[in-house]
Amino acid sequence: MSFEHDFPDAQVIVLEQNYRSTKNILETASNIISVNEKRKPVQLWTENRVGEKVNNCRRLTTKQEEAQYVLREIEQLVARGKSITVI
């Protein structure tokens, strides 16, 4: 958080454009990270489509918990006959 103070001659380049996610995903991400008071302000944006609304958001505390949750969700979708594409 003190990079500019520690390195006053450095040029800071903020990477705000996202090339993969939809606008709805970026809006959800921005809303989630906006409550973090220890962050640099950033305005995420994309030229991609709006996309589907985010309707399943969970607070998970570890990457293992996140991986288990994603696996369960995929298993449930497959069990219901949904086709899954991983990119």
PDB file of N, CA and C in Angstrom:
ATOM      1  N   MET A   1       0.817  -1.200   0.000  1.00  0.00           N
ATOM      2  CA  MET A   1       0.000   0.000   0.000  1.00  0.00           C
ATOM      3  C   MET A   1       0.859   1.262   0.000  1.00  0.00           C
ATOM      4  N   SER A   2       2.115   1.114   0.319  1.00  0.00           N
ATOM      5  CA  SER A   2       2.969   2.305   0.382  1.00  0.00           C
ATOM      6  C   SER A   2       3.961   2.358  -0.778  1.00  0.00           C
ATOM      7  N   PHE A   3       3.663   1.649  -1.857  1.00  0.00           N
ATOM      8  CA  PHE A   3       4.591   1.573  -2.990  1.00  0.00           C
ATOM      9  C   PHE A   3       4.979   2.955  -3.509  1.00  0.00           C
ATOM     10  N   GLU A   4       3.973   3.798  -3.785  1.00  0.00           N
ATOM     11  CA  GLU A   4       4.270   5.132  -4.324  1.00  0.00           C
ATOM     12  C   GLU A   4       5.098   5.964  -3.354  1.00  0.00           C
ATOM     13  N   HIS A   5       4.859   5.784  -2.079  1.00  0.00           N
ATOM     14  CA  HIS A   5       5.639   6.503  -1.072  1.00  0.00           C
ATOM     15  C   HIS A   5       7.074   5.978  -1.023  1.00  0.00           C
ATOM     16  N   ASP A   6       7.218   4.649  -1.075  1.00  0.00           N
ATOM     17  CA  ASP A   6       8.545   4.036  -0.997  1.00  0.00           C
ATOM     18  C   ASP A   6       9.367   4.241  -2.269  1.00  0.00           C
ATOM     19  N   PHE A   7       8.685   4.350  -3.404  1.00  0.00           N
ATOM     20  CA  PHE A   7       9.351   4.490  -4.698  1.00  0.00           C
ATOM     21  C   PHE A   7       8.728   5.666  -5.465  1.00  0.00           C
ATOM     22  N   PRO A   8       9.001   6.881  -5.051  1.00  0.00           N
ATOM     23  CA  PRO A   8       8.331   8.049  -5.632  1.00  0.00           C
ATOM     24  C   PRO A   8       8.614   8.269  -7.118  1.00  0.00           C
ATOM     25  N   ASP A   9       9.699   7.729  -7.634  1.00  0.00           N
ATOM     26  CA  ASP A   9      10.031   7.909  -9.050  1.00  0.00           C
ATOM     27  C   ASP A   9       9.450   6.810  -9.941  1.00  0.00           C
ATOM     28  N   ALA A  10       8.822   5.810  -9.349  1.00  0.00           N
ATOM     29  CA  ALA A  10       8.263   4.703 -10.131  1.00  0.00           C
ATOM     30  C   ALA A  10       6.971   5.132 -10.812  1.00  0.00           C
ATOM     31  N   GLN A  11       6.746   4.563 -12.000  1.00  0.00           N
ATOM     32  CA  GLN A  11       5.486   4.812 -12.709  1.00  0.00           C
ATOM     33  C   GLN A  11       4.523   3.683 -12.380  1.00  0.00           C
ATOM     34  N   VAL A  12       3.352   4.010 -11.891  1.00  0.00           N
ATOM     35  CA  VAL A  12       2.335   3.033 -11.538  1.00  0.00           C
ATOM     36  C   VAL A  12       1.383   2.885 -12.721  1.00  0.00           C
ATOM     37  N   ILE A  13       1.216   1.654 -13.169  1.00  0.00           N
ATOM     38  CA  ILE A  13       0.291   1.361 -14.259  1.00  0.00           C
ATOM     39  C   ILE A  13      -0.824   0.497 -13.694  1.00  0.00           C
ATOM     40  N   VAL A  14      -2.032   1.021 -13.709  1.00  0.00           N
ATOM     41  CA  VAL A  14      -3.183   0.319 -13.154  1.00  0.00           C
ATOM     42  C   VAL A  14      -3.836  -0.498 -14.269  1.00  0.00           C
ATOM     43  N   LEU A  15      -3.964  -1.793 -14.027  1.00  0.00           N
ATOM     44  CA  LEU A  15      -4.560  -2.690 -15.012  1.00  0.00           C
ATOM     45  C   LEU A  15      -6.044  -2.849 -14.680  1.00  0.00           C
ATOM     46  N   GLU A  16      -6.881  -2.105 -15.363  1.00  0.00           N
ATOM     47  CA  GLU A  16      -8.304  -2.103 -15.059  1.00  0.00           C
ATOM     48  C   GLU A  16      -9.139  -2.845 -16.106  1.00  0.00           C
ATOM     49  N   GLN A  17      -8.642  -2.931 -17.326  1.00  0.00           N
ATOM     50  CA  GLN A  17      -9.429  -3.610 -18.358  1.00  0.00           C
ATOM     51  C   GLN A  17      -9.291  -5.119 -18.221  1.00  0.00           C
ATOM     52  N   ASN A  18     -10.426  -5.789 -18.275  1.00  0.00           N
ATOM     53  CA  ASN A  18     -10.470  -7.247 -18.192  1.00  0.00           C
ATOM     54  C   ASN A  18     -10.907  -7.772 -19.555  1.00  0.00           C
ATOM     55  N   TYR A  19     -10.204  -8.784 -20.052  1.00  0.00           N
ATOM     56  CA  TYR A  19     -10.477  -9.303 -21.391  1.00  0.00           C
ATOM     57  C   TYR A  19     -11.282 -10.598 -21.381  1.00  0.00           C
ATOM     58  N   ARG A  20     -11.483 -11.198 -20.227  1.00  0.00           N
ATOM     59  CA  ARG A  20     -12.137 -12.507 -20.171  1.00  0.00           C
ATOM     60  C   ARG A  20     -13.525 -12.482 -19.562  1.00  0.00           C
ATOM     61  N   SER A  21     -13.746 -11.673 -18.547  1.00  0.00           N
ATOM     62  CA  SER A  21     -14.996 -11.718 -17.793  1.00  0.00           C
ATOM     63  C   SER A  21     -16.074 -10.841 -18.424  1.00  0.00           C
ATOM     64  N   THR A  22     -17.324 -11.152 -18.074  1.00  0.00           N
ATOM     65  CA  THR A  22     -18.447 -10.336 -18.538  1.00  0.00           C
ATOM     66  C   THR A  22     -18.599  -9.119 -17.636  1.00  0.00           C
ATOM     67  N   LYS A  23     -19.412  -8.180 -18.089  1.00  0.00           N
ATOM     68  CA  LYS A  23     -19.635  -6.963 -17.309  1.00  0.00           C
ATOM     69  C   LYS A  23     -20.292  -7.270 -15.968  1.00  0.00           C
ATOM     70  N   ASN A  24     -21.223  -8.207 -15.938  1.00  0.00           N
ATOM     71  CA  ASN A  24     -21.883  -8.547 -14.670  1.00  0.00           C
ATOM     72  C   ASN A  24     -20.908  -9.168 -13.674  1.00  0.00           C
ATOM     73  N   ILE A  25     -19.995  -9.985 -14.139  1.00  0.00           N
ATOM     74  CA  ILE A  25     -19.000 -10.577 -13.238  1.00  0.00           C
ATOM     75  C   ILE A  25     -18.093  -9.487 -12.673  1.00  0.00           C
ATOM     76  N   LEU A  26     -17.654  -8.561 -13.515  1.00  0.00           N
ATOM     77  CA  LEU A  26     -16.790  -7.481 -13.030  1.00  0.00           C
ATOM     78  C   LEU A  26     -17.520  -6.558 -12.067  1.00  0.00           C
ATOM     79  N   GLU A  27     -18.800  -6.307 -12.319  1.00  0.00           N
ATOM     80  CA  GLU A  27     -19.576  -5.481 -11.398  1.00  0.00           C
ATOM     81  C   GLU A  27     -19.693  -6.156 -10.036  1.00  0.00           C
ATOM     82  N   THR A  28     -19.936  -7.456 -10.039  1.00  0.00           N
ATOM     83  CA  THR A  28     -20.015  -8.202  -8.780  1.00  0.00           C
ATOM     84  C   THR A  28     -18.676  -8.171  -8.056  1.00  0.00           C
ATOM     85  N   ALA A  29     -17.590  -8.402  -8.789  1.00  0.00           N
ATOM     86  CA  ALA A  29     -16.254  -8.368  -8.187  1.00  0.00           C
ATOM     87  C   ALA A  29     -15.952  -6.990  -7.595  1.00  0.00           C
ATOM     88  N   SER A  30     -16.299  -5.947  -8.321  1.00  0.00           N
ATOM     89  CA  SER A  30     -16.062  -4.583  -7.830  1.00  0.00           C
ATOM     90  C   SER A  30     -16.839  -4.303  -6.550  1.00  0.00           C
ATOM     91  N   ASN A  31     -18.085  -4.785  -6.503  1.00  0.00           N
ATOM     92  CA  ASN A  31     -18.892  -4.595  -5.295  1.00  0.00           C
ATOM     93  C   ASN A  31     -18.301  -5.331  -4.100  1.00  0.00           C
ATOM     94  N   ILE A  32     -17.759  -6.515  -4.347  1.00  0.00           N
ATOM     95  CA  ILE A  32     -17.170  -7.303  -3.258  1.00  0.00           C
ATOM     96  C   ILE A  32     -15.893  -6.645  -2.738  1.00  0.00           C
ATOM     97  N   ILE A  33     -15.005  -6.253  -3.647  1.00  0.00           N
ATOM     98  CA  ILE A  33     -13.715  -5.714  -3.202  1.00  0.00           C
ATOM     99  C   ILE A  33     -13.825  -4.276  -2.709  1.00  0.00           C
ATOM    100  N   SER A  34     -14.919  -3.596  -3.020  1.00  0.00           N
ATOM    101  CA  SER A  34     -15.051  -2.193  -2.601  1.00  0.00           C
ATOM    102  C   SER A  34     -15.123  -2.031  -1.095  1.00  0.00           C
ATOM    103  N   VAL A  35     -15.505  -3.080  -0.367  1.00  0.00           N
ATOM    104  CA  VAL A  35     -15.594  -2.981   1.093  1.00  0.00           C
ATOM    105  C   VAL A  35     -14.227  -3.137   1.761  1.00  0.00           C
ATOM    106  N   ASN A  36     -13.226  -3.536   0.998  1.00  0.00           N
ATOM    107  CA  ASN A  36     -11.875  -3.674   1.539  1.00  0.00           C
ATOM    108  C   ASN A  36     -11.239  -2.285   1.633  1.00  0.00           C
ATOM    109  N   GLU A  37     -11.066  -1.801   2.844  1.00  0.00           N
ATOM    110  CA  GLU A  37     -10.513  -0.467   3.046  1.00  0.00           C
ATOM    111  C   GLU A  37      -9.013  -0.402   2.770  1.00  0.00           C
ATOM    112  N   LYS A  38      -8.347  -1.554   2.738  1.00  0.00           N
ATOM    113  CA  LYS A  38      -6.905  -1.589   2.513  1.00  0.00           C
ATOM    114  C   LYS A  38      -6.608  -1.989   1.070  1.00  0.00           C
ATOM    115  N   ARG A  39      -7.167  -1.246   0.133  1.00  0.00           N
ATOM    116  CA  ARG A  39      -6.937  -1.531  -1.266  1.00  0.00           C
ATOM    117  C   ARG A  39      -6.805  -0.229  -2.025  1.00  0.00           C
ATOM    118  N   LYS A  40      -6.149  -0.320  -3.143  1.00  0.00           N
ATOM    119  CA  LYS A  40      -6.058   0.823  -4.038  1.00  0.00           C
ATOM    120  C   LYS A  40      -7.359   0.901  -4.835  1.00  0.00           C
ATOM    121  N   PRO A  41      -7.883   2.083  -5.067  1.00  0.00           N
ATOM    122  CA  PRO A  41      -9.106   2.182  -5.860  1.00  0.00           C
ATOM    123  C   PRO A  41      -8.842   1.747  -7.301  1.00  0.00           C
ATOM    124  N   VAL A  42      -9.771   0.997  -7.848  1.00  0.00           N
ATOM    125  CA  VAL A  42      -9.656   0.522  -9.222  1.00  0.00           C
ATOM    126  C   VAL A  42     -11.056   0.442  -9.818  1.00  0.00           C
ATOM    127  N   GLN A  43     -11.179   0.755 -11.088  1.00  0.00           N
ATOM    128  CA  GLN A  43     -12.456   0.672 -11.780  1.00  0.00           C
ATOM    129  C   GLN A  43     -12.325  -0.377 -12.881  1.00  0.00           C
ATOM    130  N   LEU A  44     -12.751  -1.603 -12.561  1.00  0.00           N
ATOM    131  CA  LEU A  44     -12.666  -2.689 -13.531  1.00  0.00           C
ATOM    132  C   LEU A  44     -13.656  -2.459 -14.659  1.00  0.00           C
ATOM    133  N   TRP A  45     -13.233  -2.789 -15.910  1.00  0.00           N
ATOM    134  CA  TRP A  45     -14.135  -2.639 -17.040  1.00  0.00           C
ATOM    135  C   TRP A  45     -13.760  -3.637 -18.131  1.00  0.00           C
ATOM    136  N   THR A  46     -14.704  -3.848 -19.023  1.00  0.00           N
ATOM    137  CA  THR A  46     -14.494  -4.755 -20.138  1.00  0.00           C
ATOM    138  C   THR A  46     -15.312  -4.303 -21.330  1.00  0.00           C
ATOM    139  N   GLU A  47     -14.882  -4.685 -22.498  1.00  0.00           N
ATOM    140  CA  GLU A  47     -15.658  -4.464 -23.710  1.00  0.00           C
ATOM    141  C   GLU A  47     -16.534  -5.682 -24.011  1.00  0.00           C
ATOM    142  N   ASN A  48     -16.463  -6.697 -23.161  1.00  0.00           N
ATOM    143  CA  ASN A  48     -17.243  -7.920 -23.359  1.00  0.00           C
ATOM    144  C   ASN A  48     -18.723  -7.665 -23.128  1.00  0.00           C
ATOM    145  N   ARG A  49     -19.515  -8.664 -23.425  1.00  0.00           N
ATOM    146  CA  ARG A  49     -20.969  -8.573 -23.265  1.00  0.00           C
ATOM    147  C   ARG A  49     -21.343  -8.451 -21.789  1.00  0.00           C
ATOM    148  N   VAL A  50     -22.606  -8.120 -21.541  1.00  0.00           N
ATOM    149  CA  VAL A  50     -23.102  -7.973 -20.170  1.00  0.00           C
ATOM    150  C   VAL A  50     -23.059  -9.317 -19.452  1.00  0.00           C
ATOM    151  N   GLY A  51     -23.522 -10.361 -20.088  1.00  0.00           N
ATOM    152  CA  GLY A  51     -23.500 -11.697 -19.492  1.00  0.00           C
ATOM    153  C   GLY A  51     -24.642 -11.918 -18.522  1.00  0.00           C
ATOM    154  N   GLU A  52     -24.700 -13.133 -18.032  1.00  0.00           N
ATOM    155  CA  GLU A  52     -25.753 -13.503 -17.085  1.00  0.00           C
ATOM    156  C   GLU A  52     -25.510 -12.827 -15.729  1.00  0.00           C
ATOM    157  N   LYS A  53     -26.595 -12.586 -15.014  1.00  0.00           N
ATOM    158  CA  LYS A  53     -26.475 -12.025 -13.665  1.00  0.00           C
ATOM    159  C   LYS A  53     -25.830 -13.056 -12.738  1.00  0.00           C
ATOM    160  N   VAL A  54     -25.024 -12.573 -11.824  1.00  0.00           N
ATOM    161  CA  VAL A  54     -24.403 -13.438 -10.832  1.00  0.00           C
ATOM    162  C   VAL A  54     -25.447 -13.725  -9.766  1.00  0.00           C
ATOM    163  N   ASN A  55     -25.742 -15.008  -9.544  1.00  0.00           N
ATOM    164  CA  ASN A  55     -26.793 -15.348  -8.587  1.00  0.00           C
ATOM    165  C   ASN A  55     -26.331 -16.335  -7.528  1.00  0.00           C
ATOM    166  N   ASN A  56     -25.055 -16.621  -7.507  1.00  0.00           N
ATOM    167  CA  ASN A  56     -24.565 -17.599  -6.548  1.00  0.00           C
ATOM    168  C   ASN A  56     -23.202 -17.131  -6.044  1.00  0.00           C
ATOM    169  N   CYS A  57     -23.208 -16.350  -4.994  1.00  0.00           N
ATOM    170  CA  CYS A  57     -21.972 -15.796  -4.457  1.00  0.00           C
ATOM    171  C   CYS A  57     -21.801 -16.287  -3.024  1.00  0.00           C
ATOM    172  N   ARG A  58     -20.653 -16.829  -2.716  1.00  0.00           N
ATOM    173  CA  ARG A  58     -20.384 -17.387  -1.384  1.00  0.00           C
ATOM    174  C   ARG A  58     -19.100 -16.805  -0.812  1.00  0.00           C
ATOM    175  N   ARG A  59     -19.063 -16.658   0.499  1.00  0.00           N
ATOM    176  CA  ARG A  59     -17.841 -16.250   1.179  1.00  0.00           C
ATOM    177  C   ARG A  59     -17.129 -17.518   1.632  1.00  0.00           C
ATOM    178  N   LEU A  60     -15.956 -17.759   1.080  1.00  0.00           N
ATOM    179  CA  LEU A  60     -15.159 -18.931   1.427  1.00  0.00           C
ATOM    180  C   LEU A  60     -13.817 -18.445   1.936  1.00  0.00           C
ATOM    181  N   THR A  61     -13.274 -19.135   2.927  1.00  0.00           N
ATOM    182  CA  THR A  61     -12.105 -18.593   3.617  1.00  0.00           C
ATOM    183  C   THR A  61     -10.767 -19.152   3.155  1.00  0.00           C
ATOM    184  N   THR A  62     -10.772 -20.301   2.508  1.00  0.00           N
ATOM    185  CA  THR A  62      -9.507 -20.871   2.044  1.00  0.00           C
ATOM    186  C   THR A  62      -9.645 -21.325   0.598  1.00  0.00           C
ATOM    187  N   LYS A  63      -8.527 -21.480  -0.078  1.00  0.00           N
ATOM    188  CA  LYS A  63      -8.591 -21.960  -1.460  1.00  0.00           C
ATOM    189  C   LYS A  63      -9.063 -23.410  -1.518  1.00  0.00           C
ATOM    190  N   GLN A  64      -8.790 -24.186  -0.468  1.00  0.00           N
ATOM    191  CA  GLN A  64      -9.289 -25.563  -0.424  1.00  0.00           C
ATOM    192  C   GLN A  64     -10.816 -25.577  -0.317  1.00  0.00           C
ATOM    193  N   GLU A  65     -11.350 -24.718   0.532  1.00  0.00           N
ATOM    194  CA  GLU A  65     -12.797 -24.608   0.679  1.00  0.00           C
ATOM    195  C   GLU A  65     -13.430 -24.166  -0.644  1.00  0.00           C
ATOM    196  N   GLU A  66     -12.777 -23.230  -1.320  1.00  0.00           N
ATOM    197  CA  GLU A  66     -13.275 -22.767  -2.619  1.00  0.00           C
ATOM    198  C   GLU A  66     -13.269 -23.901  -3.638  1.00  0.00           C
ATOM    199  N   ALA A  67     -12.175 -24.652  -3.699  1.00  0.00           N
ATOM    200  CA  ALA A  67     -12.076 -25.761  -4.649  1.00  0.00           C
ATOM    201  C   ALA A  67     -13.147 -26.816  -4.374  1.00  0.00           C
ATOM    202  N   GLN A  68     -13.380 -27.141  -3.106  1.00  0.00           N
ATOM    203  CA  GLN A  68     -14.406 -28.126  -2.753  1.00  0.00           C
ATOM    204  C   GLN A  68     -15.794 -27.632  -3.152  1.00  0.00           C
ATOM    205  N   TYR A  69     -16.052 -26.352  -2.942  1.00  0.00           N
ATOM    206  CA  TYR A  69     -17.348 -25.783  -3.301  1.00  0.00           C
ATOM    207  C   TYR A  69     -17.561 -25.849  -4.816  1.00  0.00           C
ATOM    208  N   VAL A  70     -16.550 -25.456  -5.577  1.00  0.00           N
ATOM    209  CA  VAL A  70     -16.659 -25.482  -7.041  1.00  0.00           C
ATOM    210  C   VAL A  70     -16.876 -26.914  -7.524  1.00  0.00           C
ATOM    211  N   LEU A  71     -16.152 -27.862  -6.954  1.00  0.00           N
ATOM    212  CA  LEU A  71     -16.311 -29.266  -7.336  1.00  0.00           C
ATOM    213  C   LEU A  71     -17.732 -29.749  -7.070  1.00  0.00           C
ATOM    214  N   ARG A  72     -18.279 -29.435  -5.900  1.00  0.00           N
ATOM    215  CA  ARG A  72     -19.664 -29.834  -5.581  1.00  0.00           C
ATOM    216  C   ARG A  72     -20.666 -29.225  -6.563  1.00  0.00           C
ATOM    217  N   GLU A  73     -20.469 -27.958  -6.903  1.00  0.00           N
ATOM    218  CA  GLU A  73     -21.371 -27.297  -7.849  1.00  0.00           C
ATOM    219  C   GLU A  73     -21.301 -27.970  -9.223  1.00  0.00           C
ATOM    220  N   ILE A  74     -20.110 -28.288  -9.676  1.00  0.00           N
ATOM    221  CA  ILE A  74     -19.947 -28.969 -10.972  1.00  0.00           C
ATOM    222  C   ILE A  74     -20.594 -30.341 -10.931  1.00  0.00           C
ATOM    223  N   GLU A  75     -20.369 -31.076  -9.855  1.00  0.00           N
ATOM    224  CA  GLU A  75     -20.974 -32.413  -9.729  1.00  0.00           C
ATOM    225  C   GLU A  75     -22.497 -32.335  -9.773  1.00  0.00           C
ATOM    226  N   GLN A  76     -23.074 -31.336  -9.119  1.00  0.00           N
ATOM    227  CA  GLN A  76     -24.532 -31.187  -9.123  1.00  0.00           C
ATOM    228  C   GLN A  76     -25.050 -30.842 -10.516  1.00  0.00           C
ATOM    229  N   LEU A  77     -24.333 -29.984 -11.225  1.00  0.00           N
ATOM    230  CA  LEU A  77     -24.747 -29.635 -12.586  1.00  0.00           C
ATOM    231  C   LEU A  77     -24.680 -30.845 -13.512  1.00  0.00           C
ATOM    232  N   VAL A  78     -23.613 -31.597 -13.422  1.00  0.00           N
ATOM    233  CA  VAL A  78     -23.458 -32.806 -14.248  1.00  0.00           C
ATOM    234  C   VAL A  78     -24.538 -33.813 -13.917  1.00  0.00           C
ATOM    235  N   ALA A  79     -24.844 -33.968 -12.635  1.00  0.00           N
ATOM    236  CA  ALA A  79     -25.891 -34.909 -12.218  1.00  0.00           C
ATOM    237  C   ALA A  79     -27.253 -34.516 -12.790  1.00  0.00           C
ATOM    238  N   ARG A  80     -27.449 -33.220 -13.029  1.00  0.00           N
ATOM    239  CA  ARG A  80     -28.708 -32.745 -13.615  1.00  0.00           C
ATOM    240  C   ARG A  80     -28.667 -32.739 -15.136  1.00  0.00           C
ATOM    241  N   GLY A  81     -27.576 -33.270 -15.712  1.00  0.00           N
ATOM    242  CA  GLY A  81     -27.477 -33.384 -17.161  1.00  0.00           C
ATOM    243  C   GLY A  81     -26.939 -32.164 -17.877  1.00  0.00           C
ATOM    244  N   LYS A  82     -26.358 -31.244 -17.133  1.00  0.00           N
ATOM    245  CA  LYS A  82     -25.802 -30.042 -17.749  1.00  0.00           C
ATOM    246  C   LYS A  82     -24.446 -30.355 -18.361  1.00  0.00           C
ATOM    247  N   SER A  83     -24.141 -29.675 -19.441  1.00  0.00           N
ATOM    248  CA  SER A  83     -22.829 -29.803 -20.088  1.00  0.00           C
ATOM    249  C   SER A  83     -21.886 -28.748 -19.487  1.00  0.00           C
ATOM    250  N   ILE A  84     -20.706 -29.170 -19.135  1.00  0.00           N
ATOM    251  CA  ILE A  84     -19.735 -28.282 -18.490  1.00  0.00           C
ATOM    252  C   ILE A  84     -18.561 -28.055 -19.422  1.00  0.00           C
ATOM    253  N   THR A  85     -18.198 -26.800 -19.616  1.00  0.00           N
ATOM    254  CA  THR A  85     -17.021 -26.434 -20.403  1.00  0.00           C
ATOM    255  C   THR A  85     -16.065 -25.680 -19.496  1.00  0.00           C
ATOM    256  N   VAL A  86     -14.851 -26.145 -19.401  1.00  0.00           N
ATOM    257  CA  VAL A  86     -13.836 -25.497 -18.583  1.00  0.00           C
ATOM    258  C   VAL A  86     -12.872 -24.769 -19.503  1.00  0.00           C
ATOM    259  N   ILE A  87     -12.664 -23.481 -19.217  1.00  0.00           N
ATOM    260  CA  ILE A  87     -11.721 -22.707 -20.031  1.00  0.00           C
ATOM    261  C   ILE A  87     -10.631 -22.147 -19.178  1.00  0.00           C
TER     262      ILE A  87
END
